[in-house]
């Protein structure tokens, strides 16, 4: 583990000598970490174990079980947890201990397996829908009902809209700083695409950067783009997509990550069986 620098611009983001520490390595395959900016706890998924865990004050406890193989999580603007469920092909929202479904079908057919999720400042919810949750260890084997893999938006009135369907396997996604662009990883194609966000949906979709098997995506408070993937989190310059370096997780595949701590200057990484953390110079952005 450690930092691998490919461009000097990485020096402004993280110290090349920064330690990437193991918090716990007792999991099966973890994903979807989210930090509560007021209550100061980290919640994350273990997909095969069908659990949500919570790290608080150094102690890890089970938060929700079963989770229906939850993958990606986020908070909405009211601080409610939104989760993408591989096991039941749903997007759900938790409020006061009750979990309700907010998306499960498109055009009368079951979604494939919602994967990752992000919420805009207006409350609009964006999520990806690849097929991973209908396969193998990370899902429940079952036939597909849709013949495409899409990116969707749930509006504040609850309506569901298909925004794009020209993906092989859409995965992580995030908005840019002013929410005029949406980045979407296509894991199988090994690249990240950039769309322009407008009232009618999305336009564009050109490749912003190449990335080896990009999974979770996020930006820091300076706008730099981070992508989970083989051996760590891959960092890309906000302006031109230049590859800057890797925040390493050894031989483990890093599916996702998030910023935490009072100053959002600790980066937690969910990498297969292991939860890592490291200190960064550029903080993240609070989820709400």
Protein backbone atom coordinates (compact mmCIF):
# COMPACT_ATOMS: atom_id res chain seq x y z
CA UNK A 1 0.00 0.00 0.00
CA UNK A 2 1.05 3.59 -0.51
CA UNK A 3 0.98 6.47 -2.96
CA UNK A 4 2.17 6.12 -6.55
CA UNK A 5 2.74 9.48 -8.24
CA UNK A 6 2.49 9.86 -12.02
CA UNK A 7 2.22 13.65 -12.19
CA UNK A 8 3.54 16.37 -9.86
CA UNK A 9 0.03 17.79 -9.52
CA UNK A 10 -0.69 14.91 -7.15
CA UNK A 11 1.55 16.62 -4.54
CA UNK A 12 -1.17 19.21 -3.92
CA UNK A 13 -3.72 16.45 -3.22
CA UNK A 14 -1.87 13.95 -1.04
CA UNK A 15 1.60 13.58 0.42
CA UNK A 16 3.59 10.98 -1.51
CA UNK A 17 4.72 9.55 1.84
CA UNK A 18 1.18 9.30 3.28
CA UNK A 19 0.42 5.99 4.95
CA UNK A 20 -2.60 3.98 3.81
CA UNK A 21 -3.68 2.21 6.98
CA UNK A 22 -5.87 -0.84 7.50
CA UNK A 23 -8.91 -0.13 9.68
CA UNK A 24 -10.33 -3.68 9.44
CA UNK A 25 -9.87 -6.62 7.08
CA UNK A 26 -12.72 -8.85 8.28
CA UNK A 27 -15.17 -8.36 5.41
CA UNK A 28 -16.16 -10.19 2.23
CA UNK A 29 -16.62 -7.40 -0.36
CA UNK A 30 -17.34 -3.88 0.87
CA UNK A 31 -18.74 -0.91 -1.03
CA UNK A 32 -20.74 2.30 -0.79
CA UNK A 33 -19.06 4.21 2.11
CA UNK A 34 -20.82 7.39 3.25
CA UNK A 35 -19.88 9.85 6.00
CA UNK A 36 -22.45 11.65 8.14
CA UNK A 37 -21.08 15.19 8.48
CA UNK A 38 -22.95 16.01 11.71
CA UNK A 39 -23.01 12.68 13.58
CA UNK A 40 -19.49 11.72 12.44
CA UNK A 41 -19.94 8.07 11.50
CA UNK A 42 -19.14 6.00 8.43
CA UNK A 43 -21.71 3.60 6.96
CA UNK A 44 -20.78 1.07 4.27
CA UNK A 45 -22.08 -2.09 2.57
CA UNK A 46 -20.83 -5.66 2.52
CA UNK A 47 -22.63 -6.92 -0.58
CA UNK A 48 -22.25 -10.73 -0.28
CA UNK A 49 -22.97 -10.66 3.45
CA UNK A 50 -26.09 -8.50 2.85
CA UNK A 51 -25.17 -6.09 5.65
CA UNK A 52 -24.63 -2.42 6.23
CA UNK A 53 -21.92 -1.66 8.78
CA UNK A 54 -21.26 1.50 10.74
CA UNK A 55 -17.92 2.77 12.04
CA UNK A 56 -18.22 5.19 14.93
CA UNK A 57 -15.61 6.18 17.52
CA UNK A 58 -13.38 3.34 16.35
CA UNK A 59 -16.04 0.63 16.73
CA UNK A 60 -17.65 -1.21 13.82
CA UNK A 61 -21.19 -2.51 14.34
CA UNK A 62 -23.89 -3.95 12.08
CA UNK A 63 -26.29 -1.19 11.08
CA UNK A 64 -28.80 -3.05 8.88
CA UNK A 65 -29.24 -6.77 8.23
CA UNK A 66 -30.37 -8.04 5.85
CA UNK A 67 -29.65 -5.22 3.41
CA UNK A 68 -30.83 -7.09 0.29
CA UNK A 69 -27.23 -6.93 -0.92
CA UNK A 70 -26.99 -3.15 -0.83
CA UNK A 71 -24.18 -1.72 -2.93
CA UNK A 72 -23.92 2.05 -3.39
CA UNK A 73 -25.25 4.41 -0.72
CA UNK A 74 -25.61 8.16 -0.28
CA UNK A 75 -27.51 10.69 1.80
CA UNK A 76 -30.27 12.87 0.43
CA UNK A 77 -30.59 16.52 1.44
CA UNK A 78 -32.65 15.58 4.51
CA UNK A 79 -29.94 13.20 5.73
CA UNK A 80 -31.82 10.01 4.81
CA UNK A 81 -29.82 7.05 3.52
CA UNK A 82 -30.46 6.03 -0.09
CA UNK A 83 -29.22 2.59 -1.15
CA UNK A 84 -28.97 0.59 -4.37
CA UNK A 85 -29.97 -3.04 -3.79
CA UNK A 86 -28.42 -5.80 -5.88
CA UNK A 87 -30.59 -8.52 -4.39
CA UNK A 88 -33.97 -6.99 -5.26
CA UNK A 89 -33.15 -4.51 -8.07
CA UNK A 90 -34.43 -1.54 -6.11
CA UNK A 91 -33.44 1.92 -5.01
CA UNK A 92 -34.60 2.50 -1.44
CA UNK A 93 -34.75 5.32 1.10
CA UNK A 94 -34.56 4.86 4.86
CA UNK A 95 -36.45 7.19 7.17
CA UNK A 96 -36.89 6.69 10.91
CA UNK A 97 -35.89 3.06 10.59
CA UNK A 98 -38.34 2.31 7.79
CA UNK A 99 -37.03 1.40 4.34
CA UNK A 100 -39.22 2.31 1.36
CA UNK A 101 -38.74 1.63 -2.34
CA UNK A 102 -38.40 4.69 -4.57
CA UNK A 103 -37.50 2.90 -7.84
CA UNK A 104 -37.82 -0.72 -8.96
CA UNK A 105 -39.18 -0.82 -12.53
CA UNK A 106 -38.79 1.05 -15.79
CA UNK A 107 -41.42 0.75 -18.53
CA UNK A 108 -43.05 -2.07 -16.56
CA UNK A 109 -39.86 -4.14 -16.32
CA UNK A 110 -37.59 -4.75 -13.33
CA UNK A 111 -34.43 -2.69 -13.19
CA UNK A 112 -31.25 -4.70 -13.73
CA UNK A 113 -29.47 -4.07 -10.41
CA UNK A 114 -29.07 -0.44 -9.28
CA UNK A 115 -25.42 0.08 -8.42
CA UNK A 116 -24.33 3.58 -7.43
CA UNK A 117 -26.19 6.75 -6.56
CA UNK A 118 -25.75 10.51 -6.12
CA UNK A 119 -28.09 13.37 -5.18
CA UNK A 120 -27.99 16.90 -6.61
CA UNK A 121 -28.52 20.09 -4.60
CA UNK A 122 -32.08 20.26 -5.99
CA UNK A 123 -32.88 16.80 -4.60
CA UNK A 124 -32.78 14.99 -7.95
CA UNK A 125 -31.37 11.45 -7.59
CA UNK A 126 -29.12 9.90 -10.24
CA UNK A 127 -28.25 6.20 -10.31
CA UNK A 128 -26.66 3.60 -12.57
CA UNK A 129 -28.16 0.23 -13.46
CA UNK A 130 -25.67 -2.38 -14.73
CA UNK A 131 -26.23 -6.13 -14.47
CA UNK A 132 -23.70 -7.11 -11.77
CA UNK A 133 -26.38 -7.77 -9.16
CA UNK A 134 -27.89 -10.53 -11.28
CA UNK A 135 -24.63 -12.47 -11.36
CA UNK A 136 -22.47 -14.52 -9.03
CA UNK A 137 -21.11 -13.53 -5.64
CA UNK A 138 -22.31 -9.94 -5.67
CA UNK A 139 -25.93 -10.61 -6.50
CA UNK A 140 -28.74 -13.08 -7.08
CA UNK A 141 -28.58 -15.07 -10.32
CA UNK A 142 -31.69 -14.29 -12.36
CA UNK A 143 -32.74 -13.35 -15.87
CA UNK A 144 -32.73 -9.77 -17.12
CA UNK A 145 -35.97 -8.02 -18.05
CA UNK A 146 -34.41 -4.92 -19.64
CA UNK A 147 -32.19 -5.23 -22.72
CA UNK A 148 -29.96 -2.23 -21.88
CA UNK A 149 -27.88 -0.82 -19.02
CA UNK A 150 -28.94 2.70 -18.16
CA UNK A 151 -28.43 5.85 -16.14
CA UNK A 152 -31.58 7.24 -14.50
CA UNK A 153 -32.87 10.26 -12.62
CA UNK A 154 -35.57 10.24 -9.94
CA UNK A 155 -37.17 13.67 -9.67
CA UNK A 156 -38.43 15.16 -6.42
CA UNK A 157 -41.98 14.17 -7.41
CA UNK A 158 -40.87 10.53 -7.54
CA UNK A 159 -40.96 10.18 -11.32
CA UNK A 160 -38.26 8.02 -12.96
CA UNK A 161 -36.49 9.08 -16.16
CA UNK A 162 -34.03 7.15 -18.33
CA UNK A 163 -31.21 9.55 -19.25
CA UNK A 164 -28.78 7.35 -21.20
CA UNK A 165 -28.62 3.69 -22.24
CA UNK A 166 -25.50 3.40 -24.42
CA UNK A 167 -23.30 1.73 -21.81
CA UNK A 168 -21.76 -1.70 -21.48
CA UNK A 169 -21.72 -1.60 -17.66
CA UNK A 170 -22.37 1.83 -16.08
CA UNK A 171 -21.04 1.93 -12.55
CA UNK A 172 -19.88 4.86 -10.39
CA UNK A 173 -21.16 8.36 -11.04
CA UNK A 174 -20.76 11.87 -9.63
CA UNK A 175 -21.65 15.46 -10.40
CA UNK A 176 -19.03 18.16 -10.89
CA UNK A 177 -18.71 21.13 -8.54
CA UNK A 178 -21.39 23.31 -10.15
CA UNK A 179 -23.55 20.30 -11.12
CA UNK A 180 -23.46 21.16 -14.82
CA UNK A 181 -21.73 17.86 -15.65
CA UNK A 182 -22.25 14.24 -14.66
CA UNK A 183 -19.36 11.76 -14.79
CA UNK A 184 -20.23 8.10 -15.30
CA UNK A 185 -17.82 5.15 -15.20
CA UNK A 186 -18.24 2.37 -17.76
CA UNK A 187 -16.27 -0.38 -16.10
CA UNK A 188 -16.15 -2.82 -19.01
CA UNK A 189 -15.04 -0.10 -21.43
CA UNK A 190 -12.32 1.10 -19.00
CA UNK A 191 -13.23 4.75 -19.22
CA UNK A 192 -15.17 7.59 -17.59
CA UNK A 193 -17.60 9.65 -19.64
CA UNK A 194 -18.65 13.26 -19.06
CA UNK A 195 -22.22 14.40 -19.77
CA UNK A 196 -23.69 17.89 -19.66
CA UNK A 197 -26.69 18.18 -17.34
CA UNK A 198 -29.69 20.16 -18.58
CA UNK A 199 -33.42 20.43 -17.91
CA UNK A 200 -34.19 17.69 -20.42
CA UNK A 201 -31.62 15.23 -19.08
CA UNK A 202 -28.10 14.67 -20.37
CA UNK A 203 -26.21 15.58 -23.53
CA UNK A 204 -22.69 14.79 -24.69
CA UNK A 205 -21.10 11.79 -23.09
CA UNK A 206 -17.58 11.97 -24.49
CA UNK A 207 -14.81 10.04 -22.77
CA UNK A 208 -13.17 12.24 -20.12
CA UNK A 209 -10.41 9.82 -19.14
CA UNK A 210 -9.30 6.24 -19.54
CA UNK A 211 -9.19 4.27 -16.28
CA UNK A 212 -8.55 0.59 -15.53
CA UNK A 213 -11.93 -0.93 -14.56
CA UNK A 214 -13.31 2.28 -12.96
CA UNK A 215 -15.84 1.62 -10.20
CA UNK A 216 -16.89 4.28 -7.65
CA UNK A 217 -16.45 7.92 -8.76
CA UNK A 218 -16.24 11.11 -6.71
CA UNK A 219 -14.73 14.59 -6.89
CA UNK A 220 -12.89 16.47 -4.16
CA UNK A 221 -13.56 20.08 -3.18
CA UNK A 222 -11.13 21.29 -5.87
CA UNK A 223 -12.98 19.32 -8.58
CA UNK A 224 -10.39 16.60 -9.17
CA UNK A 225 -11.89 13.26 -10.22
CA UNK A 226 -11.22 10.02 -8.33
CA UNK A 227 -12.07 6.51 -9.56
CA UNK A 228 -11.93 3.28 -7.60
CA UNK A 229 -10.31 0.37 -9.39
CA UNK A 230 -7.50 -2.19 -9.42
CA UNK A 231 -4.99 -1.66 -6.58
CA UNK A 232 -6.51 1.58 -5.34
CA UNK A 233 -8.11 4.94 -6.12
CA UNK A 234 -6.96 6.53 -9.36
CA UNK A 235 -6.81 10.34 -9.39
CA UNK A 236 -7.37 12.54 -12.47
CA UNK A 237 -6.91 16.26 -13.05
CA UNK A 238 -10.16 18.21 -13.03
CA UNK A 239 -9.44 20.14 -16.22
CA UNK A 240 -8.02 17.68 -18.72
CA UNK A 241 -8.40 14.22 -17.17
CA UNK A 242 -4.64 13.68 -16.88
CA UNK A 243 -3.81 10.67 -14.70
CA UNK A 244 -2.08 11.95 -11.56
CA UNK A 245 -1.50 8.83 -9.51
CA UNK A 246 -2.90 6.07 -7.31
CA UNK A 247 -3.81 5.94 -3.63
CA UNK A 248 -2.90 2.30 -3.21
CA UNK A 249 -4.65 -0.67 -1.62
CA UNK A 250 -2.01 -3.28 -2.45
CA UNK A 251 -3.36 -6.16 -4.52
CA UNK A 252 -6.95 -5.45 -3.53
CA UNK A 253 -9.55 -3.96 -5.86
CA UNK A 254 -10.84 -0.70 -4.43
CA UNK A 255 -14.53 -0.48 -5.29
CA UNK A 256 -15.28 2.82 -3.59
CA UNK A 257 -14.17 5.52 -1.14
CA UNK A 258 -15.30 8.66 0.65
CA UNK A 259 -13.94 11.60 2.64
CA UNK A 260 -14.54 11.73 6.39
CA UNK A 261 -13.59 13.50 9.60
CA UNK A 262 -14.52 16.94 10.90
CA UNK A 263 -12.51 18.59 8.11
CA UNK A 264 -13.27 15.88 5.50
CA UNK A 265 -9.52 15.33 5.15
CA UNK A 266 -9.48 11.57 5.84
CA UNK A 267 -10.12 9.30 2.88
CA UNK A 268 -11.72 5.92 3.63
CA UNK A 269 -11.34 3.23 0.94
CA UNK A 270 -13.48 0.09 0.64
CA UNK A 271 -11.27 -2.50 -1.03
CA UNK A 272 -12.67 -6.03 -1.22
CA UNK A 273 -12.18 -7.49 2.30
CA UNK A 274 -10.53 -4.41 3.77
CA UNK A 275 -11.41 -0.92 4.96
CA UNK A 276 -8.46 1.49 4.61
CA UNK A 277 -7.92 5.14 5.51
CA UNK A 278 -5.36 7.82 4.70
CA UNK A 279 -4.87 11.56 5.21
CA UNK A 280 -5.32 13.92 2.24
CA UNK A 281 -4.56 17.59 1.65
CA UNK A 282 -7.65 18.45 -0.41
CA UNK A 283 -10.86 17.76 1.51
CA UNK A 284 -13.97 16.19 0.12
CA UNK A 285 -17.50 17.59 -0.15
CA UNK A 286 -20.17 16.87 2.49
CA UNK A 287 -23.09 14.79 1.21
CA UNK A 288 -25.63 17.12 2.80
